[in-house]
C-alpha atoms as a PDB file:
ATOM      1  CA  UNK A   1     -24.373   5.931 160.343  1.00  0.00           C
ATOM      2  CA  UNK A   2     -24.436   9.456 159.111  1.00  0.00           C
ATOM      3  CA  UNK A   3     -21.847  10.679 161.430  1.00  0.00           C
ATOM      4  CA  UNK A   4     -19.164   8.248 160.797  1.00  0.00           C
ATOM      5  CA  UNK A   5     -19.181   8.914 157.363  1.00  0.00           C
ATOM      6  CA  UNK A   6     -18.779  12.698 157.464  1.00  0.00           C
ATOM      7  CA  UNK A   7     -15.992  11.711 160.151  1.00  0.00           C
ATOM      8  CA  UNK A   8     -14.499   9.841 157.341  1.00  0.00           C
ATOM      9  CA  UNK A   9     -15.096  12.282 154.710  1.00  0.00           C
ATOM     10  CA  UNK A  10     -13.540  15.220 156.519  1.00  0.00           C
ATOM     11  CA  UNK A  11     -10.349  13.388 157.306  1.00  0.00           C
ATOM     12  CA  UNK A  12     -10.205  12.560 153.435  1.00  0.00           C
ATOM     13  CA  UNK A  13     -10.312  16.326 152.628  1.00  0.00           C
ATOM     14  CA  UNK A  14      -8.159  17.148 155.590  1.00  0.00           C
ATOM     15  CA  UNK A  15      -5.343  14.668 154.337  1.00  0.00           C
ATOM     16  CA  UNK A  16      -5.544  15.745 150.778  1.00  0.00           C
ATOM     17  CA  UNK A  17      -4.958  19.510 151.939  1.00  0.00           C
ATOM     18  CA  UNK A  18      -1.773  18.413 154.390  1.00  0.00           C
ATOM     19  CA  UNK A  19      -0.596  16.255 151.174  1.00  0.00           C
ATOM     20  CA  UNK A  20      -0.723  18.975 148.682  1.00  0.00           C
ATOM     21  CA  UNK A  21       1.221  21.340 151.496  1.00  0.00           C
ATOM     22  CA  UNK A  22       3.654  19.092 151.804  1.00  0.00           C
ATOM     23  CA  UNK A  23       4.452  18.302 148.093  1.00  0.00           C
ATOM     24  CA  UNK A  24       4.705  22.378 147.608  1.00  0.00           C
ATOM     25  CA  UNK A  25       6.962  22.424 150.552  1.00  0.00           C
ATOM     26  CA  UNK A  26       9.135  19.446 149.472  1.00  0.00           C
ATOM     27  CA  UNK A  27       9.557  21.626 146.199  1.00  0.00           C
ATOM     28  CA  UNK A  28      11.184  24.249 147.942  1.00  0.00           C
ATOM     29  CA  UNK A  29      13.350  22.049 149.505  1.00  0.00           C
ATOM     30  CA  UNK A  30      14.442  20.391 146.596  1.00  0.00           C
ATOM     31  CA  UNK A  31      15.198  23.749 144.885  1.00  0.00           C
ATOM     32  CA  UNK A  32      17.542  24.850 148.017  1.00  0.00           C
ATOM     33  CA  UNK A  33      19.072  20.959 147.724  1.00  0.00           C
ATOM     34  CA  UNK A  34      20.234  21.774 143.974  1.00  0.00           C
ATOM     35  CA  UNK A  35      21.275  25.116 144.863  1.00  0.00           C
ATOM     36  CA  UNK A  36      23.780  23.476 147.744  1.00  0.00           C
ATOM     37  CA  UNK A  37      24.802  20.840 145.473  1.00  0.00           C
ATOM     38  CA  UNK A  38      25.757  23.085 142.524  1.00  0.00           C
ATOM     39  CA  UNK A  39      27.771  24.877 145.097  1.00  0.00           C
ATOM     40  CA  UNK A  40      29.409  21.889 146.450  1.00  0.00           C
ATOM     41  CA  UNK A  41      30.460  20.842 143.183  1.00  0.00           C
ATOM     42  CA  UNK A  42      32.048  24.141 142.393  1.00  0.00           C
ATOM     43  CA  UNK A  43      29.778  24.442 139.065  1.00  0.00           C
ATOM     44  CA  UNK A  44      30.308  27.577 137.955  1.00  0.00           C
ATOM     45  CA  UNK A  45      31.471  29.107 134.536  1.00  0.00           C
ATOM     46  CA  UNK A  46      33.324  31.651 133.775  1.00  0.00           C
ATOM     47  CA  UNK A  47      30.909  34.928 134.378  1.00  0.00           C
ATOM     48  CA  UNK A  48      28.871  34.980 137.576  1.00  0.00           C
ATOM     49  CA  UNK A  49      27.514  37.644 139.564  1.00  0.00           C
ATOM     50  CA  UNK A  50      26.450  38.018 143.196  1.00  0.00           C
ATOM     51  CA  UNK A  51      23.324  39.565 144.282  1.00  0.00           C
ATOM     52  CA  UNK A  52      22.983  41.106 147.597  1.00  0.00           C
ATOM     53  CA  UNK A  53      19.145  42.381 148.724  1.00  0.00           C
ATOM     54  CA  UNK A  54      18.916  44.280 151.733  1.00  0.00           C
ATOM     55  CA  UNK A  55      15.927  42.576 153.666  1.00  0.00           C
ATOM     56  CA  UNK A  56      13.485  44.871 155.111  1.00  0.00           C
ATOM     57  CA  UNK A  57      13.104  45.395 158.789  1.00  0.00           C
ATOM     58  CA  UNK A  58       9.821  44.170 160.272  1.00  0.00           C
ATOM     59  CA  UNK A  59       8.886  41.692 157.637  1.00  0.00           C
ATOM     60  CA  UNK A  60       8.954  38.121 158.178  1.00  0.00           C
ATOM     61  CA  UNK A  61      11.346  35.434 156.771  1.00  0.00           C
ATOM     62  CA  UNK A  62       8.629  33.665 154.891  1.00  0.00           C
ATOM     63  CA  UNK A  63       7.876  36.847 152.767  1.00  0.00           C
ATOM     64  CA  UNK A  64      11.741  37.459 152.062  1.00  0.00           C
ATOM     65  CA  UNK A  65      12.149  34.314 150.990  1.00  0.00           C
ATOM     66  CA  UNK A  66       9.126  34.269 148.822  1.00  0.00           C
ATOM     67  CA  UNK A  67      10.065  37.740 147.322  1.00  0.00           C
ATOM     68  CA  UNK A  68      13.655  35.743 146.926  1.00  0.00           C
ATOM     69  CA  UNK A  69      12.122  32.884 145.111  1.00  0.00           C
ATOM     70  CA  UNK A  70      10.398  35.393 142.760  1.00  0.00           C
ATOM     71  CA  UNK A  71      13.293  36.989 142.044  1.00  0.00           C
ATOM     72  CA  UNK A  72      15.334  33.785 141.131  1.00  0.00           C
ATOM     73  CA  UNK A  73      12.477  32.810 138.983  1.00  0.00           C
ATOM     74  CA  UNK A  74      12.587  36.219 137.215  1.00  0.00           C
ATOM     75  CA  UNK A  75      16.434  35.471 136.802  1.00  0.00           C
ATOM     76  CA  UNK A  76      15.895  32.189 134.992  1.00  0.00           C
ATOM     77  CA  UNK A  77      13.306  33.289 133.074  1.00  0.00           C
ATOM     78  CA  UNK A  78      14.912  35.912 131.339  1.00  0.00           C
ATOM     79  CA  UNK A  79      17.673  33.338 130.567  1.00  0.00           C
ATOM     80  CA  UNK A  80      20.186  35.838 132.984  1.00  0.00           C
ATOM     81  CA  UNK A  81      21.682  32.517 134.116  1.00  0.00           C
ATOM     82  CA  UNK A  82      21.546  29.874 136.778  1.00  0.00           C
ATOM     83  CA  UNK A  83      21.379  29.869 140.281  1.00  0.00           C
ATOM     84  CA  UNK A  84      24.190  28.536 141.822  1.00  0.00           C
ATOM     85  CA  UNK A  85      23.637  29.961 145.451  1.00  0.00           C
ATOM     86  CA  UNK A  86      21.644  31.165 147.516  1.00  0.00           C
ATOM     87  CA  UNK A  87      21.420  32.303 151.398  1.00  0.00           C
ATOM     88  CA  UNK A  88      19.600  34.491 153.459  1.00  0.00           C
ATOM     89  CA  UNK A  89      20.661  36.077 156.750  1.00  0.00           C
ATOM     90  CA  UNK A  90      19.756  38.615 159.079  1.00  0.00           C
ATOM     91  CA  UNK A  91      20.521  41.682 157.384  1.00  0.00           C
ATOM     92  CA  UNK A  92      20.179  40.324 153.603  1.00  0.00           C
ATOM     93  CA  UNK A  93      19.611  37.943 151.146  1.00  0.00           C
ATOM     94  CA  UNK A  94      22.048  36.850 148.540  1.00  0.00           C
ATOM     95  CA  UNK A  95      21.581  35.169 145.214  1.00  0.00           C
ATOM     96  CA  UNK A  96      24.870  33.920 143.094  1.00  0.00           C
ATOM     97  CA  UNK A  97      24.155  33.471 139.133  1.00  0.00           C
ATOM     98  CA  UNK A  98      26.319  31.224 136.798  1.00  0.00           C
ATOM     99  CA  UNK A  99      25.762  33.750 133.439  1.00  0.00           C
ATOM    100  CA  UNK A 100      27.516  31.271 131.346  1.00  0.00           C
ATOM    101  CA  UNK A 101      28.949  32.773 128.176  1.00  0.00           C
ATOM    102  CA  UNK A 102      26.919  36.176 128.164  1.00  0.00           C
ATOM    103  CA  UNK A 103      29.073  39.483 128.455  1.00  0.00           C
ATOM    104  CA  UNK A 104      29.071  41.556 131.182  1.00  0.00           C
ATOM    105  CA  UNK A 105      26.963  44.459 129.547  1.00  0.00           C
ATOM    106  CA  UNK A 106      24.080  41.962 128.840  1.00  0.00           C
ATOM    107  CA  UNK A 107      24.260  40.523 132.108  1.00  0.00           C
ATOM    108  CA  UNK A 108      24.207  43.961 133.614  1.00  0.00           C
ATOM    109  CA  UNK A 109      21.252  45.041 131.570  1.00  0.00           C
ATOM    110  CA  UNK A 110      19.282  41.671 132.208  1.00  0.00           C
ATOM    111  CA  UNK A 111      20.073  42.096 135.651  1.00  0.00           C
ATOM    112  CA  UNK A 112      18.682  45.838 136.494  1.00  0.00           C
ATOM    113  CA  UNK A 113      15.073  44.714 134.351  1.00  0.00           C
ATOM    114  CA  UNK A 114      14.667  41.653 136.321  1.00  0.00           C
ATOM    115  CA  UNK A 115      15.548  43.853 139.838  1.00  0.00           C
ATOM    116  CA  UNK A 116      13.179  46.615 138.729  1.00  0.00           C
ATOM    117  CA  UNK A 117      10.567  44.117 138.083  1.00  0.00           C
ATOM    118  CA  UNK A 118      10.749  42.287 140.918  1.00  0.00           C
ATOM    119  CA  UNK A 119      10.365  45.793 142.820  1.00  0.00           C
ATOM    120  CA  UNK A 120      14.249  45.379 144.518  1.00  0.00           C
ATOM    121  CA  UNK A 121      15.620  48.578 142.789  1.00  0.00           C
ATOM    122  CA  UNK A 122      16.472  50.488 146.142  1.00  0.00           C
ATOM    123  CA  UNK A 123      17.474  47.517 147.914  1.00  0.00           C
ATOM    124  CA  UNK A 124      19.990  45.495 145.452  1.00  0.00           C
ATOM    125  CA  UNK A 125      23.524  45.640 144.674  1.00  0.00           C
ATOM    126  CA  UNK A 126      25.136  43.923 141.836  1.00  0.00           C
ATOM    127  CA  UNK A 127      28.977  42.680 141.649  1.00  0.00           C
ATOM    128  CA  UNK A 128      30.847  40.525 139.458  1.00  0.00           C
ATOM    129  CA  UNK A 129      32.819  37.978 141.521  1.00  0.00           C
ATOM    130  CA  UNK A 130      36.627  37.716 141.580  1.00  0.00           C
ATOM    131  CA  UNK A 131      37.802  35.643 138.893  1.00  0.00           C
ATOM    132  CA  UNK A 132      35.048  36.032 136.702  1.00  0.00           C
ATOM    133  CA  UNK A 133      35.661  36.925 132.909  1.00  0.00           C
ATOM    134  CA  UNK A 134      33.022  38.219 130.803  1.00  0.00           C
END
């Protein structure tokens, strides 16, 4: 009788762990879906920039994604703009940011601070996308 209760308790604990892990995964998927929808709608304003971050060799894709997500959060916390597209390939990670009505000097200064805070100074390049005003 006690073995059955212990087995049931173990199943409950394991299922709660799996449920929380699935919720975290769904959160990451939801963010990438929102980015894709924004890109498909062409939802960009006048001023937008593209940040390219070189991936370090020998690092796992999961660590690079965690680093990119932290950088995206830093951009949003500093009110630089809204992430409209993000991607990762074999050699680099890219993040496109819609900066709204901010001028180029403000965007550049805030991005350099965010890049330094994220520890990406030697690997990140910032460029204003063609057609941007600002």
